[in-house]
C-alpha atoms as a PDB file:
ATOM      1  CA  SER A   1     102.591  90.664 126.343  1.00  0.00           C
ATOM      2  CA  LEU A   2     106.120  91.491 127.548  1.00  0.00           C
ATOM      3  CA  ILE A   3     105.178  95.050 128.295  1.00  0.00           C
ATOM      4  CA  GLY A   4     103.052  93.826 131.248  1.00  0.00           C
ATOM      5  CA  THR A   5     106.253  92.465 132.742  1.00  0.00           C
ATOM      6  CA  VAL A   6     107.810  95.994 133.182  1.00  0.00           C
ATOM      7  CA  PRO A   7     107.022  97.128 136.774  1.00  0.00           C
ATOM      8  CA  ASP A   8     105.715 100.587 135.874  1.00  0.00           C
ATOM      9  CA  MET A   9     103.906  99.718 132.645  1.00  0.00           C
ATOM     10  CA  GLU A  10     100.476  98.105 132.263  1.00  0.00           C
ATOM     11  CA  VAL A  11      98.642  96.895 129.257  1.00  0.00           C
ATOM     12  CA  VAL A  12      95.098  98.317 129.740  1.00  0.00           C
ATOM     13  CA  ALA A  13      93.434  96.927 126.542  1.00  0.00           C
ATOM     14  CA  GLN A  14      94.025  95.047 123.288  1.00  0.00           C
ATOM     15  CA  GLY A  15      91.945  95.272 120.065  1.00  0.00           C
ATOM     16  CA  THR A  16      91.855  93.347 116.818  1.00  0.00           C
ATOM     17  CA  ASN A  17      90.733  96.062 114.381  1.00  0.00           C
ATOM     18  CA  GLY A  18      91.156  99.800 113.828  1.00  0.00           C
ATOM     19  CA  GLN A  19      87.590 100.751 115.082  1.00  0.00           C
ATOM     20  CA  GLN A  20      88.249  98.756 118.319  1.00  0.00           C
ATOM     21  CA  ALA A  21      91.572 100.620 118.668  1.00  0.00           C
ATOM     22  CA  VAL A  22      89.648 103.963 118.513  1.00  0.00           C
ATOM     23  CA  ASP A  23      86.943 102.820 120.925  1.00  0.00           C
ATOM     24  CA  LEU A  24      89.463 101.314 123.372  1.00  0.00           C
ATOM     25  CA  TYR A  25      91.573 104.519 123.320  1.00  0.00           C
ATOM     26  CA  ASN A  26      88.516 106.572 124.027  1.00  0.00           C
ATOM     27  CA  GLU A  27      87.509 104.242 126.841  1.00  0.00           C
ATOM     28  CA  HIS A  28      90.940 103.849 128.590  1.00  0.00           C
ATOM     29  CA  LYS A  29      92.881 106.969 127.469  1.00  0.00           C
ATOM     30  CA  PRO A  30      96.264 105.224 127.821  1.00  0.00           C
ATOM     31  CA  ASP A  31      99.426 107.241 128.350  1.00  0.00           C
ATOM     32  CA  VAL A  32     100.869 105.656 125.198  1.00  0.00           C
ATOM     33  CA  MET A  33      99.131 103.526 122.582  1.00  0.00           C
ATOM     34  CA  LEU A  34     100.794 100.909 120.264  1.00  0.00           C
ATOM     35  CA  ILE A  35      98.983 100.334 117.035  1.00  0.00           C
ATOM     36  CA  ASP A  36      99.574  98.253 113.858  1.00  0.00           C
ATOM     37  CA  LEU A  37      98.923  99.664 110.365  1.00  0.00           C
ATOM     38  CA  ARG A  38      97.114  96.956 108.520  1.00  0.00           C
ATOM     39  CA  MET A  39      93.947  96.057 110.364  1.00  0.00           C
ATOM     40  CA  PRO A  40      90.369  95.275 109.337  1.00  0.00           C
ATOM     41  CA  VAL A  41      87.482  97.835 109.602  1.00  0.00           C
ATOM     42  CA  LEU A  42      89.820 100.935 109.895  1.00  0.00           C
ATOM     43  CA  SER A  43      93.510 100.989 108.970  1.00  0.00           C
ATOM     44  CA  GLY A  44      96.069 102.088 111.433  1.00  0.00           C
ATOM     45  CA  VAL A  45      96.413 105.483 109.814  1.00  0.00           C
ATOM     46  CA  GLU A  46      92.654 105.989 109.822  1.00  0.00           C
ATOM     47  CA  ALA A  47      92.504 105.008 113.525  1.00  0.00           C
ATOM     48  CA  ILE A  48      95.409 107.377 114.421  1.00  0.00           C
ATOM     49  CA  SER A  49      93.683 110.207 112.620  1.00  0.00           C
ATOM     50  CA  ALA A  50      90.355 109.557 114.418  1.00  0.00           C
ATOM     51  CA  ILE A  51      92.036 109.325 117.867  1.00  0.00           C
ATOM     52  CA  ARG A  52      94.181 112.390 117.335  1.00  0.00           C
ATOM     53  CA  LYS A  53      91.173 114.367 116.137  1.00  0.00           C
ATOM     54  CA  ALA A  54      89.300 113.616 119.349  1.00  0.00           C
ATOM     55  CA  SER A  55      92.337 113.641 121.579  1.00  0.00           C
ATOM     56  CA  PRO A  56      95.076 115.926 120.091  1.00  0.00           C
ATOM     57  CA  GLY A  57      97.423 114.931 122.976  1.00  0.00           C
ATOM     58  CA  ALA A  58      97.287 111.311 122.276  1.00  0.00           C
ATOM     59  CA  ARG A  59     100.646 109.660 122.217  1.00  0.00           C
ATOM     60  CA  ILE A  60     100.751 106.865 119.615  1.00  0.00           C
ATOM     61  CA  ILE A  61     103.483 104.492 118.462  1.00  0.00           C
ATOM     62  CA  VAL A  62     103.062 102.424 115.259  1.00  0.00           C
ATOM     63  CA  LEU A  63     104.460  98.877 115.738  1.00  0.00           C
ATOM     64  CA  THR A  64     104.261  97.081 112.462  1.00  0.00           C
ATOM     65  CA  THR A  65     106.039  94.892 109.926  1.00  0.00           C
ATOM     66  CA  PHE A  66     105.582  97.413 107.152  1.00  0.00           C
ATOM     67  CA  ASP A  67     108.550  99.660 106.440  1.00  0.00           C
ATOM     68  CA  GLY A  68     107.369 101.310 103.134  1.00  0.00           C
ATOM     69  CA  ASP A  69     108.203 105.012 102.979  1.00  0.00           C
ATOM     70  CA  GLU A  70     104.580 105.914 102.279  1.00  0.00           C
ATOM     71  CA  ASP A  71     103.335 103.915 105.249  1.00  0.00           C
ATOM     72  CA  ILE A  72     105.854 105.659 107.545  1.00  0.00           C
ATOM     73  CA  TYR A  73     104.969 109.118 106.033  1.00  0.00           C
ATOM     74  CA  ARG A  74     101.204 108.659 106.364  1.00  0.00           C
ATOM     75  CA  SER A  75     101.479 107.404 109.939  1.00  0.00           C
ATOM     76  CA  LEU A  76     103.513 110.428 111.113  1.00  0.00           C
ATOM     77  CA  GLN A  77     101.235 112.758 109.120  1.00  0.00           C
ATOM     78  CA  ALA A  78      98.229 111.230 110.924  1.00  0.00           C
ATOM     79  CA  GLY A  79      99.933 112.063 114.190  1.00  0.00           C
ATOM     80  CA  ALA A  80     101.982 109.056 115.358  1.00  0.00           C
ATOM     81  CA  GLN A  81     104.958 110.105 117.532  1.00  0.00           C
ATOM     82  CA  GLY A  82     106.842 106.793 116.880  1.00  0.00           C
ATOM     83  CA  TYR A  83     107.281 104.194 114.248  1.00  0.00           C
ATOM     84  CA  LEU A  84     108.816 100.849 115.112  1.00  0.00           C
ATOM     85  CA  LEU A  85     109.157  97.635 113.219  1.00  0.00           C
ATOM     86  CA  LYS A  86     108.031  94.431 114.874  1.00  0.00           C
ATOM     87  CA  ASP A  87     111.562  92.961 114.895  1.00  0.00           C
ATOM     88  CA  VAL A  88     112.631  95.649 117.450  1.00  0.00           C
ATOM     89  CA  PHE A  89     114.392  94.490 120.569  1.00  0.00           C
ATOM     90  CA  PHE A  90     112.208  94.620 123.643  1.00  0.00           C
ATOM     91  CA  GLU A  91     114.529  96.990 125.372  1.00  0.00           C
ATOM     92  CA  ASP A  92     114.270  99.409 122.438  1.00  0.00           C
ATOM     93  CA  LEU A  93     110.418  99.164 122.499  1.00  0.00           C
ATOM     94  CA  GLU A  94     110.425  99.906 126.191  1.00  0.00           C
ATOM     95  CA  SER A  95     112.753 102.882 125.624  1.00  0.00           C
ATOM     96  CA  ALA A  96     110.524 104.126 122.767  1.00  0.00           C
ATOM     97  CA  ILE A  97     107.350 103.908 125.042  1.00  0.00           C
ATOM     98  CA  ARG A  98     109.282 106.029 127.628  1.00  0.00           C
ATOM     99  CA  LYS A  99     110.505 108.557 125.201  1.00  0.00           C
ATOM    100  CA  VAL A 100     107.032 109.044 123.514  1.00  0.00           C
ATOM    101  CA  HIS A 101     105.455 109.229 127.013  1.00  0.00           C
ATOM    102  CA  ALA A 102     107.905 111.991 127.801  1.00  0.00           C
ATOM    103  CA  GLY A 103     106.836 113.873 124.676  1.00  0.00           C
ATOM    104  CA  SER A 104     109.620 112.993 122.255  1.00  0.00           C
ATOM    105  CA  LYS A 105     109.387 111.364 118.828  1.00  0.00           C
ATOM    106  CA  GLN A 106     110.897 107.913 118.367  1.00  0.00           C
ATOM    107  CA  ILE A 107     111.969 106.915 114.800  1.00  0.00           C
ATOM    108  CA  PRO A 108     114.784 104.427 114.450  1.00  0.00           C
ATOM    109  CA  GLU A 109     117.554 105.207 111.988  1.00  0.00           C
ATOM    110  CA  ARG A 110     116.521 102.627 109.439  1.00  0.00           C
ATOM    111  CA  VAL A 111     112.934 103.946 109.421  1.00  0.00           C
ATOM    112  CA  ALA A 112     114.265 107.546 109.133  1.00  0.00           C
ATOM    113  CA  VAL A 113     116.340 106.467 106.110  1.00  0.00           C
ATOM    114  CA  ARG A 114     113.130 105.172 104.457  1.00  0.00           C
ATOM    115  CA  LEU A 115     111.367 108.435 105.178  1.00  0.00           C
ATOM    116  CA  ALA A 116     114.330 110.346 103.777  1.00  0.00           C
ATOM    117  CA  GLU A 117     114.105 108.267 100.621  1.00  0.00           C
ATOM    118  CA  ARG A 118     110.398 109.314 100.184  1.00  0.00           C
ATOM    119  CA  MET A 119     111.372 113.036 100.449  1.00  0.00           C
ATOM    120  CA  THR A 120     113.613 112.732  97.391  1.00  0.00           C
ATOM    121  CA  GLY A 121     110.829 111.342  95.107  1.00  0.00           C
ATOM    122  CA  SER A 122     108.240 113.399  93.349  1.00  0.00           C
ATOM    123  CA  ASP A 123     104.684 113.123  94.670  1.00  0.00           C
ATOM    124  CA  LEU A 124     102.209 111.416  92.451  1.00  0.00           C
ATOM    125  CA  THR A 125      99.018 113.286  91.698  1.00  0.00           C
ATOM    126  CA  GLY A 126      95.648 111.926  92.728  1.00  0.00           C
ATOM    127  CA  ARG A 127      94.850 110.828  89.173  1.00  0.00           C
ATOM    128  CA  GLU A 128      98.282 109.091  88.975  1.00  0.00           C
ATOM    129  CA  LEU A 129      97.546 107.276  92.117  1.00  0.00           C
ATOM    130  CA  GLU A 130      94.254 106.141  90.749  1.00  0.00           C
ATOM    131  CA  VAL A 131      95.974 104.849  87.556  1.00  0.00           C
ATOM    132  CA  LEU A 132      98.678 103.149  89.587  1.00  0.00           C
ATOM    133  CA  GLN A 133      95.990 101.392  91.743  1.00  0.00           C
ATOM    134  CA  GLN A 134      94.453 100.090  88.496  1.00  0.00           C
ATOM    135  CA  ILE A 135      97.927  98.928  87.171  1.00  0.00           C
ATOM    136  CA  VAL A 136      98.379  96.989  90.496  1.00  0.00           C
ATOM    137  CA  ALA A 137      95.046  95.474  89.958  1.00  0.00           C
ATOM    138  CA  GLY A 138      96.210  94.132  86.599  1.00  0.00           C
ATOM    139  CA  LYS A 139      94.021  96.309  84.440  1.00  0.00           C
ATOM    140  CA  SER A 140      94.980  97.138  80.745  1.00  0.00           C
ATOM    141  CA  ASN A 141      95.275 100.745  79.561  1.00  0.00           C
ATOM    142  CA  LYS A 142      91.868 100.380  77.867  1.00  0.00           C
ATOM    143  CA  GLU A 143      90.302  99.077  81.112  1.00  0.00           C
ATOM    144  CA  ILE A 144      91.868 101.839  83.171  1.00  0.00           C
ATOM    145  CA  GLY A 145      90.594 104.451  80.704  1.00  0.00           C
ATOM    146  CA  ALA A 146      87.054 103.098  80.809  1.00  0.00           C
ATOM    147  CA  HIS A 147      87.141 102.817  84.625  1.00  0.00           C
ATOM    148  CA  LEU A 148      88.402 106.370  85.078  1.00  0.00           C
ATOM    149  CA  ASN A 149      86.483 107.810  82.119  1.00  0.00           C
ATOM    150  CA  ILE A 150      89.677 109.079  80.373  1.00  0.00           C
ATOM    151  CA  SER A 151      91.115 108.245  77.007  1.00  0.00           C
ATOM    152  CA  GLU A 152      93.782 105.555  76.451  1.00  0.00           C
ATOM    153  CA  ALA A 153      96.196 108.381  75.376  1.00  0.00           C
ATOM    154  CA  THR A 154      95.685 110.101  78.780  1.00  0.00           C
ATOM    155  CA  VAL A 155      96.167 106.808  80.567  1.00  0.00           C
ATOM    156  CA  LYS A 156      99.545 106.388  78.737  1.00  0.00           C
ATOM    157  CA  SER A 157     100.551 109.876  79.653  1.00  0.00           C
ATOM    158  CA  HIS A 158      99.796 109.223  83.314  1.00  0.00           C
ATOM    159  CA  ILE A 159     101.729 105.942  83.155  1.00  0.00           C
ATOM    160  CA  ASN A 160     104.748 107.709  81.707  1.00  0.00           C
ATOM    161  CA  ASN A 161     104.615 110.286  84.482  1.00  0.00           C
ATOM    162  CA  ILE A 162     104.329 107.448  87.127  1.00  0.00           C
ATOM    163  CA  LEU A 163     107.327 105.558  85.637  1.00  0.00           C
ATOM    164  CA  SER A 164     109.381 108.687  85.784  1.00  0.00           C
ATOM    165  CA  LYS A 165     108.353 109.715  89.300  1.00  0.00           C
ATOM    166  CA  LEU A 166     109.004 106.203  90.602  1.00  0.00           C
ATOM    167  CA  GLY A 167     112.231 105.873  88.706  1.00  0.00           C
ATOM    168  CA  VAL A 168     111.177 102.578  87.029  1.00  0.00           C
ATOM    169  CA  SER A 169     111.067 101.441  83.433  1.00  0.00           C
ATOM    170  CA  ASP A 170     107.781  99.319  83.101  1.00  0.00           C
ATOM    171  CA  ARG A 171     104.319  98.679  84.630  1.00  0.00           C
ATOM    172  CA  THR A 172     105.524  95.562  86.487  1.00  0.00           C
ATOM    173  CA  GLN A 173     108.302  97.534  88.193  1.00  0.00           C
ATOM    174  CA  ALA A 174     105.799 100.384  88.922  1.00  0.00           C
ATOM    175  CA  ALA A 175     103.382  97.929  90.591  1.00  0.00           C
ATOM    176  CA  THR A 176     106.170  96.183  92.551  1.00  0.00           C
ATOM    177  CA  THR A 177     107.559  99.536  93.718  1.00  0.00           C
ATOM    178  CA  ALA A 178     104.144 100.865  94.645  1.00  0.00           C
ATOM    179  CA  LEU A 179     103.388  97.799  96.794  1.00  0.00           C
ATOM    180  CA  GLN A 180     106.897  97.739  98.455  1.00  0.00           C
ATOM    181  CA  ARG A 181     106.738 101.478  99.282  1.00  0.00           C
ATOM    182  CA  GLY A 182     103.191 101.285 100.582  1.00  0.00           C
ATOM    183  CA  ILE A 183     102.000 103.843  97.953  1.00  0.00           C
ATOM    184  CA  VAL A 184      99.091 101.473  97.167  1.00  0.00           C
ATOM    185  CA  HIS A 185      97.879  98.336  98.888  1.00  0.00           C
ATOM    186  CA  LEU A 186      96.223  95.240  97.623  1.00  0.00           C
ATOM    187  CA  SER A 187      92.580  95.323  98.577  1.00  0.00           C
END
């Protein structure tokens, strides 16, 4: 990696899944860790949470292609101090590593804008998230009701709330918005 070419920086380990990230962090205790969000075994957010629980002082930067406002929010809630997109210039990545190492947060303007967009929306309830996940999976109202043990009328009520909170007019737009913003993910 390019990071290894910087005189005072060294790559101490690389993993391919979230559990490896946790294990490698615990083994090497790096000054700053870079982590992706979507990984097998444990997600990036789950890995960040596990690392920060065991090592509250861990300094972690998310480096990912995902710029959905929910992804950003969940990463920062889990304890990441930085959030960069993979199209970042190397100089900006190096600068972010130095800033996070020094104890600062590093969130580029376009990521901050996405996070601000999230703050203006209403939060979905747990049940609304479950219904939304079923919509994304292509289930009908009847199937959603059966899956969640609720009536079709209740499903319709939840869907109306979801549409209103997401600012969309139909199920397809709700599914698209949910995936784009990282509210739900395809499993």
